[in-house]
PDB file of N, CA and C in Angstrom:
ATOM      1  N   UNK A   1      -9.075  -9.126  30.433  1.00  0.00           N
ATOM      2  CA  UNK A   1     -10.221  -9.533  29.536  1.00  0.00           C
ATOM      3  C   UNK A   1     -10.059 -10.902  29.100  1.00  0.00           C
ATOM      4  N   UNK A   2     -11.188 -11.605  28.967  1.00  0.00           N
ATOM      5  CA  UNK A   2     -11.204 -13.042  28.472  1.00  0.00           C
ATOM      6  C   UNK A   2     -12.286 -13.086  27.310  1.00  0.00           C
ATOM      7  N   UNK A   3     -12.146 -14.038  26.600  1.00  0.00           N
ATOM      8  CA  UNK A   3     -13.021 -14.122  25.323  1.00  0.00           C
ATOM      9  C   UNK A   3     -13.878 -15.262  25.540  1.00  0.00           C
ATOM     10  N   UNK A   4     -15.188 -14.988  25.232  1.00  0.00           N
ATOM     11  CA  UNK A   4     -16.284 -16.174  25.245  1.00  0.00           C
ATOM     12  C   UNK A   4     -17.251 -16.042  24.034  1.00  0.00           C
ATOM     13  N   UNK A   5     -17.823 -16.979  23.745  1.00  0.00           N
ATOM     14  CA  UNK A   5     -18.783 -17.180  22.676  1.00  0.00           C
ATOM     15  C   UNK A   5     -20.190 -17.062  23.119  1.00  0.00           C
ATOM     16  N   UNK A   6     -21.091 -16.425  22.539  1.00  0.00           N
ATOM     17  CA  UNK A   6     -22.638 -16.366  22.810  1.00  0.00           C
ATOM     18  C   UNK A   6     -23.349 -17.159  21.715  1.00  0.00           C
ATOM     19  N   UNK A   7     -24.260 -17.973  21.801  1.00  0.00           N
ATOM     20  CA  UNK A   7     -24.811 -18.767  20.836  1.00  0.00           C
ATOM     21  C   UNK A   7     -26.337 -18.988  21.040  1.00  0.00           C
ATOM     22  N   UNK A   8     -26.999 -18.563  20.034  1.00  0.00           N
ATOM     23  CA  UNK A   8     -28.596 -18.797  20.058  1.00  0.00           C
ATOM     24  C   UNK A   8     -28.952 -19.624  18.741  1.00  0.00           C
ATOM     25  N   UNK A   9     -29.633 -20.636  18.901  1.00  0.00           N
ATOM     26  CA  UNK A   9     -29.912 -21.517  17.693  1.00  0.00           C
ATOM     27  C   UNK A   9     -31.521 -21.487  17.510  1.00  0.00           C
ATOM     28  N   UNK A  10     -31.907 -21.410  16.342  1.00  0.00           N
ATOM     29  CA  UNK A  10     -33.299 -21.687  15.874  1.00  0.00           C
ATOM     30  C   UNK A  10     -33.002 -22.930  14.898  1.00  0.00           C
ATOM     31  N   UNK A  11     -34.217 -23.498  14.665  1.00  0.00           N
ATOM     32  CA  UNK A  11     -34.139 -24.721  13.638  1.00  0.00           C
ATOM     33  C   UNK A  11     -33.509 -24.310  12.350  1.00  0.00           C
ATOM     34  N   UNK A  12     -33.760 -23.165  11.941  1.00  0.00           N
ATOM     35  CA  UNK A  12     -33.254 -22.806  10.511  1.00  0.00           C
ATOM     36  C   UNK A  12     -32.020 -22.103  10.497  1.00  0.00           C
ATOM     37  N   UNK A  13     -31.530 -21.481  11.680  1.00  0.00           N
ATOM     38  CA  UNK A  13     -30.232 -20.845  11.825  1.00  0.00           C
ATOM     39  C   UNK A  13     -29.795 -20.513  13.185  1.00  0.00           C
ATOM     40  N   UNK A  14     -28.375 -20.387  13.169  1.00  0.00           N
ATOM     41  CA  UNK A  14     -27.789 -20.159  14.487  1.00  0.00           C
ATOM     42  C   UNK A  14     -26.963 -18.846  14.405  1.00  0.00           C
ATOM     43  N   UNK A  15     -26.924 -18.153  15.560  1.00  0.00           N
ATOM     44  CA  UNK A  15     -26.182 -16.794  15.734  1.00  0.00           C
ATOM     45  C   UNK A  15     -25.194 -17.195  16.591  1.00  0.00           C
ATOM     46  N   UNK A  16     -23.885 -16.837  16.415  1.00  0.00           N
ATOM     47  CA  UNK A  16     -22.764 -16.925  17.407  1.00  0.00           C
ATOM     48  C   UNK A  16     -21.982 -15.861  17.308  1.00  0.00           C
ATOM     49  N   UNK A  17     -21.749 -15.154  18.483  1.00  0.00           N
ATOM     50  CA  UNK A  17     -20.935 -13.985  18.607  1.00  0.00           C
ATOM     51  C   UNK A  17     -19.737 -14.303  19.533  1.00  0.00           C
ATOM     52  N   UNK A  18     -18.652 -13.639  19.367  1.00  0.00           N
ATOM     53  CA  UNK A  18     -17.445 -13.575  20.120  1.00  0.00           C
ATOM     54  C   UNK A  18     -17.401 -12.401  20.951  1.00  0.00           C
ATOM     55  N   UNK A  19     -17.208 -12.516  22.241  1.00  0.00           N
ATOM     56  CA  UNK A  19     -17.185 -11.182  23.054  1.00  0.00           C
ATOM     57  C   UNK A  19     -16.167 -11.267  24.076  1.00  0.00           C
ATOM     58  N   UNK A  20     -15.486 -10.126  24.185  1.00  0.00           N
ATOM     59  CA  UNK A  20     -14.484  -9.964  25.125  1.00  0.00           C
ATOM     60  C   UNK A  20     -15.036  -9.328  26.284  1.00  0.00           C
ATOM     61  N   UNK A  21     -14.887  -9.916  27.607  1.00  0.00           N
ATOM     62  CA  UNK A  21     -15.583  -9.445  28.858  1.00  0.00           C
ATOM     63  C   UNK A  21     -14.431  -9.418  29.946  1.00  0.00           C
ATOM     64  N   UNK A  22     -14.768  -8.771  30.849  1.00  0.00           N
ATOM     65  CA  UNK A  22     -13.835  -8.738  32.132  1.00  0.00           C
ATOM     66  C   UNK A  22     -13.949 -10.004  32.929  1.00  0.00           C
ATOM     67  N   UNK A  23     -12.992 -10.456  33.478  1.00  0.00           N
ATOM     68  CA  UNK A  23     -13.003 -11.631  34.393  1.00  0.00           C
ATOM     69  C   UNK A  23     -14.071 -11.388  35.413  1.00  0.00           C
ATOM     70  N   UNK A  24     -14.626 -12.307  35.981  1.00  0.00           N
ATOM     71  CA  UNK A  24     -15.772 -12.180  36.947  1.00  0.00           C
ATOM     72  C   UNK A  24     -16.975 -11.989  36.472  1.00  0.00           C
ATOM     73  N   UNK A  25     -17.290 -11.912  34.997  1.00  0.00           N
ATOM     74  CA  UNK A  25     -18.511 -11.508  34.286  1.00  0.00           C
ATOM     75  C   UNK A  25     -19.340 -12.760  34.612  1.00  0.00           C
ATOM     76  N   UNK A  26     -20.764 -12.469  34.804  1.00  0.00           N
ATOM     77  CA  UNK A  26     -21.686 -13.626  34.805  1.00  0.00           C
ATOM     78  C   UNK A  26     -22.343 -13.813  33.391  1.00  0.00           C
ATOM     79  N   UNK A  27     -22.853 -15.041  33.300  1.00  0.00           N
ATOM     80  CA  UNK A  27     -23.367 -15.480  32.020  1.00  0.00           C
ATOM     81  C   UNK A  27     -24.495 -14.557  31.602  1.00  0.00           C
ATOM     82  N   UNK A  28     -25.326 -13.973  32.631  1.00  0.00           N
ATOM     83  CA  UNK A  28     -26.262 -13.022  32.315  1.00  0.00           C
ATOM     84  C   UNK A  28     -25.732 -11.784  31.766  1.00  0.00           C
ATOM     85  N   UNK A  29     -24.737 -11.320  32.316  1.00  0.00           N
ATOM     86  CA  UNK A  29     -23.971 -10.038  31.921  1.00  0.00           C
ATOM     87  C   UNK A  29     -23.443 -10.172  30.592  1.00  0.00           C
ATOM     88  N   UNK A  30     -22.723 -11.396  30.239  1.00  0.00           N
ATOM     89  CA  UNK A  30     -22.205 -11.795  28.993  1.00  0.00           C
ATOM     90  C   UNK A  30     -23.449 -11.542  27.849  1.00  0.00           C
ATOM     91  N   UNK A  31     -24.427 -12.199  28.191  1.00  0.00           N
ATOM     92  CA  UNK A  31     -25.535 -12.123  27.329  1.00  0.00           C
ATOM     93  C   UNK A  31     -26.014 -10.683  26.948  1.00  0.00           C
ATOM     94  N   UNK A  32     -26.071  -9.989  27.997  1.00  0.00           N
ATOM     95  CA  UNK A  32     -26.720  -8.498  27.865  1.00  0.00           C
ATOM     96  C   UNK A  32     -25.528  -7.656  27.193  1.00  0.00           C
ATOM     97  N   UNK A  33     -24.294  -7.909  27.451  1.00  0.00           N
ATOM     98  CA  UNK A  33     -23.300  -7.127  26.813  1.00  0.00           C
ATOM     99  C   UNK A  33     -22.944  -7.689  25.292  1.00  0.00           C
ATOM    100  N   UNK A  34     -23.360  -8.837  24.910  1.00  0.00           N
ATOM    101  CA  UNK A  34     -22.954  -9.371  23.703  1.00  0.00           C
ATOM    102  C   UNK A  34     -23.744  -8.663  22.448  1.00  0.00           C
ATOM    103  N   UNK A  35     -24.902  -8.156  22.810  1.00  0.00           N
ATOM    104  CA  UNK A  35     -25.797  -7.538  21.615  1.00  0.00           C
ATOM    105  C   UNK A  35     -26.712  -8.693  20.884  1.00  0.00           C
ATOM    106  N   UNK A  36     -26.637  -9.980  21.603  1.00  0.00           N
ATOM    107  CA  UNK A  36     -27.606 -10.925  20.940  1.00  0.00           C
ATOM    108  C   UNK A  36     -28.940 -10.650  21.099  1.00  0.00           C
ATOM    109  N   UNK A  37     -29.388  -9.925  22.098  1.00  0.00           N
ATOM    110  CA  UNK A  37     -30.812  -9.797  22.484  1.00  0.00           C
ATOM    111  C   UNK A  37     -31.314  -8.821  21.157  1.00  0.00           C
ATOM    112  N   UNK A  38     -30.479  -7.820  20.824  1.00  0.00           N
ATOM    113  CA  UNK A  38     -30.904  -7.106  19.578  1.00  0.00           C
ATOM    114  C   UNK A  38     -30.890  -7.827  18.256  1.00  0.00           C
ATOM    115  N   UNK A  39     -29.948  -8.662  18.054  1.00  0.00           N
ATOM    116  CA  UNK A  39     -29.993  -9.511  16.956  1.00  0.00           C
ATOM    117  C   UNK A  39     -30.897 -10.575  16.805  1.00  0.00           C
ATOM    118  N   UNK A  40     -31.462 -10.979  17.940  1.00  0.00           N
ATOM    119  CA  UNK A  40     -32.424 -12.080  17.887  1.00  0.00           C
ATOM    120  C   UNK A  40     -33.688 -11.709  18.713  1.00  0.00           C
ATOM    121  N   UNK A  41     -34.559 -11.115  18.229  1.00  0.00           N
ATOM    122  CA  UNK A  41     -35.699 -10.603  18.832  1.00  0.00           C
ATOM    123  C   UNK A  41     -36.621 -11.842  19.656  1.00  0.00           C
ATOM    124  N   UNK A  42     -36.356 -13.090  19.106  1.00  0.00           N
ATOM    125  CA  UNK A  42     -37.000 -14.149  19.618  1.00  0.00           C
ATOM    126  C   UNK A  42     -36.711 -14.543  21.137  1.00  0.00           C
ATOM    127  N   UNK A  43     -35.587 -14.022  21.454  1.00  0.00           N
ATOM    128  CA  UNK A  43     -35.066 -14.205  23.008  1.00  0.00           C
ATOM    129  C   UNK A  43     -35.823 -13.352  23.887  1.00  0.00           C
ATOM    130  N   UNK A  44     -36.480 -13.904  24.939  1.00  0.00           N
ATOM    131  CA  UNK A  44     -37.208 -13.160  25.947  1.00  0.00           C
ATOM    132  C   UNK A  44     -36.159 -12.834  27.041  1.00  0.00           C
ATOM    133  N   UNK A  45     -35.829 -11.597  27.117  1.00  0.00           N
ATOM    134  CA  UNK A  45     -34.743 -11.235  28.150  1.00  0.00           C
ATOM    135  C   UNK A  45     -35.280 -11.501  29.724  1.00  0.00           C
ATOM    136  N   UNK A  46     -36.573 -11.509  29.868  1.00  0.00           N
ATOM    137  CA  UNK A  46     -37.241 -11.625  31.225  1.00  0.00           C
ATOM    138  C   UNK A  46     -37.056 -13.055  31.735  1.00  0.00           C
ATOM    139  N   UNK A  47     -36.907 -13.941  30.703  1.00  0.00           N
ATOM    140  CA  UNK A  47     -37.065 -15.289  31.003  1.00  0.00           C
ATOM    141  C   UNK A  47     -35.801 -16.152  30.359  1.00  0.00           C
ATOM    142  N   UNK A  48     -34.595 -15.784  30.729  1.00  0.00           N
ATOM    143  CA  UNK A  48     -33.472 -16.360  30.171  1.00  0.00           C
ATOM    144  C   UNK A  48     -33.151 -17.712  30.851  1.00  0.00           C
ATOM    145  N   UNK A  49     -32.834 -18.677  29.853  1.00  0.00           N
ATOM    146  CA  UNK A  49     -32.380 -19.901  30.280  1.00  0.00           C
ATOM    147  C   UNK A  49     -30.992 -20.222  29.582  1.00  0.00           C
ATOM    148  N   UNK A  50     -29.993 -20.160  30.354  1.00  0.00           N
ATOM    149  CA  UNK A  50     -28.462 -20.275  29.792  1.00  0.00           C
ATOM    150  C   UNK A  50     -27.852 -21.374  30.341  1.00  0.00           C
ATOM    151  N   UNK A  51     -26.830 -21.752  29.443  1.00  0.00           N
ATOM    152  CA  UNK A  51     -25.895 -22.828  29.667  1.00  0.00           C
ATOM    153  C   UNK A  51     -24.501 -22.545  29.298  1.00  0.00           C
ATOM    154  N   UNK A  52     -23.553 -23.272  29.765  1.00  0.00           N
ATOM    155  CA  UNK A  52     -22.071 -23.273  29.265  1.00  0.00           C
ATOM    156  C   UNK A  52     -21.798 -24.590  28.897  1.00  0.00           C
ATOM    157  N   UNK A  53     -21.324 -24.823  27.713  1.00  0.00           N
ATOM    158  CA  UNK A  53     -20.989 -25.925  26.941  1.00  0.00           C
ATOM    159  C   UNK A  53     -21.993 -27.140  27.402  1.00  0.00           C
ATOM    160  N   UNK A  54     -23.183 -26.838  26.887  1.00  0.00           N
ATOM    161  CA  UNK A  54     -24.299 -27.748  26.971  1.00  0.00           C
ATOM    162  C   UNK A  54     -24.695 -28.152  28.490  1.00  0.00           C
ATOM    163  N   UNK A  55     -24.375 -27.324  29.460  1.00  0.00           N
ATOM    164  CA  UNK A  55     -24.878 -27.599  30.730  1.00  0.00           C
ATOM    165  C   UNK A  55     -25.490 -26.426  31.292  1.00  0.00           C
ATOM    166  N   UNK A  56     -26.656 -26.660  31.826  1.00  0.00           N
ATOM    167  CA  UNK A  56     -27.504 -25.513  32.305  1.00  0.00           C
ATOM    168  C   UNK A  56     -26.932 -24.864  33.411  1.00  0.00           C
ATOM    169  N   UNK A  57     -26.742 -23.610  33.505  1.00  0.00           N
ATOM    170  CA  UNK A  57     -26.132 -22.755  34.718  1.00  0.00           C
ATOM    171  C   UNK A  57     -27.117 -21.670  35.214  1.00  0.00           C
ATOM    172  N   UNK A  58     -26.931 -21.265  36.437  1.00  0.00           N
ATOM    173  CA  UNK A  58     -27.657 -20.166  36.904  1.00  0.00           C
ATOM    174  C   UNK A  58     -27.018 -18.830  36.300  1.00  0.00           C
ATOM    175  N   UNK A  59     -27.928 -17.757  36.254  1.00  0.00           N
ATOM    176  CA  UNK A  59     -27.744 -16.601  35.726  1.00  0.00           C
ATOM    177  C   UNK A  59     -26.418 -15.897  36.212  1.00  0.00           C
ATOM    178  N   UNK A  60     -26.043 -16.187  37.534  1.00  0.00           N
ATOM    179  CA  UNK A  60     -24.819 -15.545  38.256  1.00  0.00           C
ATOM    180  C   UNK A  60     -23.705 -16.356  37.975  1.00  0.00           C
ATOM    181  N   UNK A  61     -23.696 -17.473  37.313  1.00  0.00           N
ATOM    182  CA  UNK A  61     -22.493 -18.314  37.000  1.00  0.00           C
ATOM    183  C   UNK A  61     -21.418 -17.584  36.281  1.00  0.00           C
ATOM    184  N   UNK A  62     -20.249 -17.567  36.915  1.00  0.00           N
ATOM    185  CA  UNK A  62     -19.005 -16.750  36.245  1.00  0.00           C
ATOM    186  C   UNK A  62     -18.447 -17.504  35.259  1.00  0.00           C
ATOM    187  N   UNK A  63     -18.309 -16.703  33.927  1.00  0.00           N
ATOM    188  CA  UNK A  63     -17.635 -17.484  32.858  1.00  0.00           C
ATOM    189  C   UNK A  63     -16.055 -17.372  32.909  1.00  0.00           C
ATOM    190  N   UNK A  64     -15.654 -18.237  32.228  1.00  0.00           N
ATOM    191  CA  UNK A  64     -14.009 -18.478  31.976  1.00  0.00           C
ATOM    192  C   UNK A  64     -13.598 -18.289  30.572  1.00  0.00           C
ATOM    193  N   UNK A  65     -12.375 -17.987  30.418  1.00  0.00           N
ATOM    194  CA  UNK A  65     -11.854 -17.819  29.085  1.00  0.00           C
ATOM    195  C   UNK A  65     -12.058 -18.901  28.183  1.00  0.00           C
ATOM    196  N   UNK A  66     -12.690 -18.751  26.884  1.00  0.00           N
ATOM    197  CA  UNK A  66     -13.007 -19.895  26.016  1.00  0.00           C
ATOM    198  C   UNK A  66     -14.450 -20.452  26.198  1.00  0.00           C
ATOM    199  N   UNK A  67     -15.207 -20.052  27.346  1.00  0.00           N
ATOM    200  CA  UNK A  67     -16.516 -20.618  27.454  1.00  0.00           C
ATOM    201  C   UNK A  67     -17.477 -20.195  26.418  1.00  0.00           C
ATOM    202  N   UNK A  68     -18.386 -21.084  26.148  1.00  0.00           N
ATOM    203  CA  UNK A  68     -19.458 -21.061  25.172  1.00  0.00           C
ATOM    204  C   UNK A  68     -20.745 -20.960  26.001  1.00  0.00           C
ATOM    205  N   UNK A  69     -21.175 -19.642  25.905  1.00  0.00           N
ATOM    206  CA  UNK A  69     -22.557 -19.364  26.590  1.00  0.00           C
ATOM    207  C   UNK A  69     -23.675 -19.746  25.618  1.00  0.00           C
ATOM    208  N   UNK A  70     -24.652 -20.443  25.989  1.00  0.00           N
ATOM    209  CA  UNK A  70     -25.720 -20.807  25.244  1.00  0.00           C
ATOM    210  C   UNK A  70     -27.038 -20.380  25.642  1.00  0.00           C
ATOM    211  N   UNK A  71     -27.881 -19.685  24.797  1.00  0.00           N
ATOM    212  CA  UNK A  71     -29.119 -19.179  25.113  1.00  0.00           C
ATOM    213  C   UNK A  71     -30.064 -20.304  24.622  1.00  0.00           C
ATOM    214  N   UNK A  72     -30.897 -20.744  25.620  1.00  0.00           N
ATOM    215  CA  UNK A  72     -31.800 -21.899  25.366  1.00  0.00           C
ATOM    216  C   UNK A  72     -33.199 -21.321  25.011  1.00  0.00           C
ATOM    217  N   UNK A  73     -33.819 -21.960  24.007  1.00  0.00           N
ATOM    218  CA  UNK A  73     -35.250 -21.659  23.794  1.00  0.00           C
ATOM    219  C   UNK A  73     -36.182 -22.285  24.812  1.00  0.00           C
ATOM    220  N   UNK A  74     -37.406 -21.736  25.106  1.00  0.00           N
ATOM    221  CA  UNK A  74     -38.241 -22.504  26.020  1.00  0.00           C
ATOM    222  C   UNK A  74     -38.766 -23.796  25.290  1.00  0.00           C
ATOM    223  N   UNK A  75     -39.135 -24.869  25.983  1.00  0.00           N
ATOM    224  CA  UNK A  75     -39.800 -26.041  25.429  1.00  0.00           C
ATOM    225  C   UNK A  75     -41.136 -25.667  24.862  1.00  0.00           C
ATOM    226  N   UNK A  76     -41.509 -26.406  23.717  1.00  0.00           N
ATOM    227  CA  UNK A  76     -42.718 -26.062  23.210  1.00  0.00           C
ATOM    228  C   UNK A  76     -43.722 -27.212  23.516  1.00  0.00           C
ATOM    229  N   UNK A  77     -43.128 -28.168  24.214  1.00  0.00           N
ATOM    230  CA  UNK A  77     -44.061 -29.263  24.663  1.00  0.00           C
ATOM    231  C   UNK A  77     -43.388 -29.899  25.890  1.00  0.00           C
ATOM    232  N   UNK A  78     -44.268 -30.385  26.691  1.00  0.00           N
ATOM    233  CA  UNK A  78     -43.845 -30.991  28.076  1.00  0.00           C
ATOM    234  C   UNK A  78     -43.490 -32.480  27.708  1.00  0.00           C
ATOM    235  N   UNK A  79     -41.987 -32.714  27.965  1.00  0.00           N
ATOM    236  CA  UNK A  79     -41.514 -33.977  27.515  1.00  0.00           C
ATOM    237  C   UNK A  79     -42.246 -35.202  27.979  1.00  0.00           C
ATOM    238  N   UNK A  80     -42.743 -35.134  29.286  1.00  0.00           N
ATOM    239  CA  UNK A  80     -43.378 -36.250  29.984  1.00  0.00           C
ATOM    240  C   UNK A  80     -44.762 -36.556  29.210  1.00  0.00           C
ATOM    241  N   UNK A  81     -45.586 -35.447  28.963  1.00  0.00           N
ATOM    242  CA  UNK A  81     -46.676 -35.419  28.133  1.00  0.00           C
ATOM    243  C   UNK A  81     -46.434 -36.086  26.839  1.00  0.00           C
ATOM    244  N   UNK A  82     -45.507 -35.649  25.992  1.00  0.00           N
ATOM    245  CA  UNK A  82     -45.150 -36.127  24.778  1.00  0.00           C
ATOM    246  C   UNK A  82     -45.014 -37.614  24.797  1.00  0.00           C
ATOM    247  N   UNK A  83     -44.306 -38.118  25.753  1.00  0.00           N
ATOM    248  CA  UNK A  83     -43.997 -39.499  25.844  1.00  0.00           C
ATOM    249  C   UNK A  83     -45.210 -40.293  26.229  1.00  0.00           C
ATOM    250  N   UNK A  84     -46.051 -39.788  27.102  1.00  0.00           N
ATOM    251  CA  UNK A  84     -47.382 -40.356  27.277  1.00  0.00           C
ATOM    252  C   UNK A  84     -48.078 -40.593  26.088  1.00  0.00           C
ATOM    253  N   UNK A  85     -48.141 -39.572  25.290  1.00  0.00           N
ATOM    254  CA  UNK A  85     -48.962 -39.596  24.105  1.00  0.00           C
ATOM    255  C   UNK A  85     -48.400 -40.692  23.058  1.00  0.00           C
ATOM    256  N   UNK A  86     -47.147 -40.714  22.907  1.00  0.00           N
ATOM    257  CA  UNK A  86     -46.458 -41.711  22.210  1.00  0.00           C
ATOM    258  C   UNK A  86     -46.769 -43.148  22.686  1.00  0.00           C
ATOM    259  N   UNK A  87     -46.824 -43.291  24.063  1.00  0.00           N
ATOM    260  CA  UNK A  87     -47.046 -44.714  24.492  1.00  0.00           C
ATOM    261  C   UNK A  87     -48.365 -45.066  24.231  1.00  0.00           C
ATOM    262  N   UNK A  88     -49.493 -44.125  24.527  1.00  0.00           N
ATOM    263  CA  UNK A  88     -50.907 -44.450  24.032  1.00  0.00           C
ATOM    264  C   UNK A  88     -50.944 -44.878  22.717  1.00  0.00           C
ATOM    265  N   UNK A  89     -50.293 -44.026  21.787  1.00  0.00           N
ATOM    266  CA  UNK A  89     -50.423 -44.450  20.377  1.00  0.00           C
ATOM    267  C   UNK A  89     -49.860 -45.737  20.130  1.00  0.00           C
ATOM    268  N   UNK A  90     -48.832 -46.161  20.647  1.00  0.00           N
ATOM    269  CA  UNK A  90     -48.188 -47.324  20.436  1.00  0.00           C
ATOM    270  C   UNK A  90     -49.113 -48.588  20.962  1.00  0.00           C
ATOM    271  N   UNK A  91     -49.846 -48.372  22.110  1.00  0.00           N
ATOM    272  CA  UNK A  91     -50.896 -49.309  22.594  1.00  0.00           C
ATOM    273  C   UNK A  91     -52.063 -49.425  21.502  1.00  0.00           C
ATOM    274  N   UNK A  92     -52.407 -48.328  21.110  1.00  0.00           N
ATOM    275  CA  UNK A  92     -53.604 -48.511  20.156  1.00  0.00           C
ATOM    276  C   UNK A  92     -53.137 -48.990  18.865  1.00  0.00           C
ATOM    277  N   UNK A  93     -51.827 -48.910  18.539  1.00  0.00           N
ATOM    278  CA  UNK A  93     -51.522 -49.526  17.124  1.00  0.00           C
ATOM    279  C   UNK A  93     -51.132 -51.090  17.332  1.00  0.00           C
ATOM    280  N   UNK A  94     -51.042 -51.387  18.573  1.00  0.00           N
ATOM    281  CA  UNK A  94     -50.693 -52.758  18.872  1.00  0.00           C
ATOM    282  C   UNK A  94     -49.091 -53.040  18.944  1.00  0.00           C
ATOM    283  N   UNK A  95     -48.380 -51.858  18.965  1.00  0.00           N
ATOM    284  CA  UNK A  95     -46.925 -51.999  19.225  1.00  0.00           C
ATOM    285  C   UNK A  95     -46.446 -52.099  20.560  1.00  0.00           C
ATOM    286  N   UNK A  96     -47.469 -52.003  21.453  1.00  0.00           N
ATOM    287  CA  UNK A  96     -47.230 -52.121  22.995  1.00  0.00           C
ATOM    288  C   UNK A  96     -48.339 -52.837  23.658  1.00  0.00           C
ATOM    289  N   UNK A  97     -47.951 -53.523  24.643  1.00  0.00           N
ATOM    290  CA  UNK A  97     -48.944 -54.227  25.554  1.00  0.00           C
ATOM    291  C   UNK A  97     -49.814 -53.251  26.207  1.00  0.00           C
ATOM    292  N   UNK A  98     -51.217 -53.474  26.148  1.00  0.00           N
ATOM    293  CA  UNK A  98     -52.205 -52.607  26.573  1.00  0.00           C
ATOM    294  C   UNK A  98     -52.087 -52.466  28.054  1.00  0.00           C
ATOM    295  N   UNK A  99     -51.688 -53.518  28.749  1.00  0.00           N
ATOM    296  CA  UNK A  99     -51.583 -53.508  30.171  1.00  0.00           C
ATOM    297  C   UNK A  99     -50.294 -52.999  30.809  1.00  0.00           C
ATOM    298  N   UNK A 100     -49.194 -53.687  30.386  1.00  0.00           N
ATOM    299  CA  UNK A 100     -47.868 -53.238  30.914  1.00  0.00           C
ATOM    300  C   UNK A 100     -47.243 -52.159  30.167  1.00  0.00           C
ATOM    301  N   UNK A 101     -47.560 -51.806  28.767  1.00  0.00           N
ATOM    302  CA  UNK A 101     -46.962 -50.776  28.079  1.00  0.00           C
ATOM    303  C   UNK A 101     -45.621 -51.309  27.524  1.00  0.00           C
ATOM    304  N   UNK A 102     -45.230 -52.493  27.737  1.00  0.00           N
ATOM    305  CA  UNK A 102     -44.066 -53.146  27.150  1.00  0.00           C
ATOM    306  C   UNK A 102     -44.271 -53.710  25.811  1.00  0.00           C
ATOM    307  N   UNK A 103     -43.208 -54.172  25.205  1.00  0.00           N
ATOM    308  CA  UNK A 103     -43.383 -54.854  23.899  1.00  0.00           C
ATOM    309  C   UNK A 103     -44.433 -56.155  23.869  1.00  0.00           C
ATOM    310  N   UNK A 104     -45.335 -56.206  23.103  1.00  0.00           N
ATOM    311  CA  UNK A 104     -46.092 -57.429  22.930  1.00  0.00           C
ATOM    312  C   UNK A 104     -45.332 -58.655  22.775  1.00  0.00           C
ATOM    313  N   UNK A 105     -45.753 -59.875  23.307  1.00  0.00           N
ATOM    314  CA  UNK A 105     -45.035 -61.102  23.142  1.00  0.00           C
ATOM    315  C   UNK A 105     -45.354 -61.573  21.751  1.00  0.00           C
ATOM    316  N   UNK A 106     -44.343 -61.861  20.950  1.00  0.00           N
ATOM    317  CA  UNK A 106     -44.418 -62.525  19.563  1.00  0.00           C
ATOM    318  C   UNK A 106     -44.462 -64.017  19.708  1.00  0.00           C
ATOM    319  N   UNK A 107     -45.273 -64.504  18.800  1.00  0.00           N
ATOM    320  CA  UNK A 107     -45.557 -65.964  18.815  1.00  0.00           C
ATOM    321  C   UNK A 107     -44.512 -66.571  17.831  1.00  0.00           C
TER     322      UNK A 107
END
């Protein structure tokens, strides 16, 4: 048996569970065995996005002793679209060049 941690974080709280699992267990199996799905109903078990020590992994990734399995929440905004909106706002406010998008030349 090996020991791993399962973590799920929301803006206001984080849930961390220590779990003993057999060697050769996948991250998906660890999450299912940990009981975190029952404790955190916000997690969609049909659409799991998992990582180990802040690196995204496939569901069949095999854990090692001491690993920290992280359950990720889905993105609420497309990062490219959010950046595009910030750039447009900066152009409108004069903080960016309207043609190049770069910083305006100061006199």
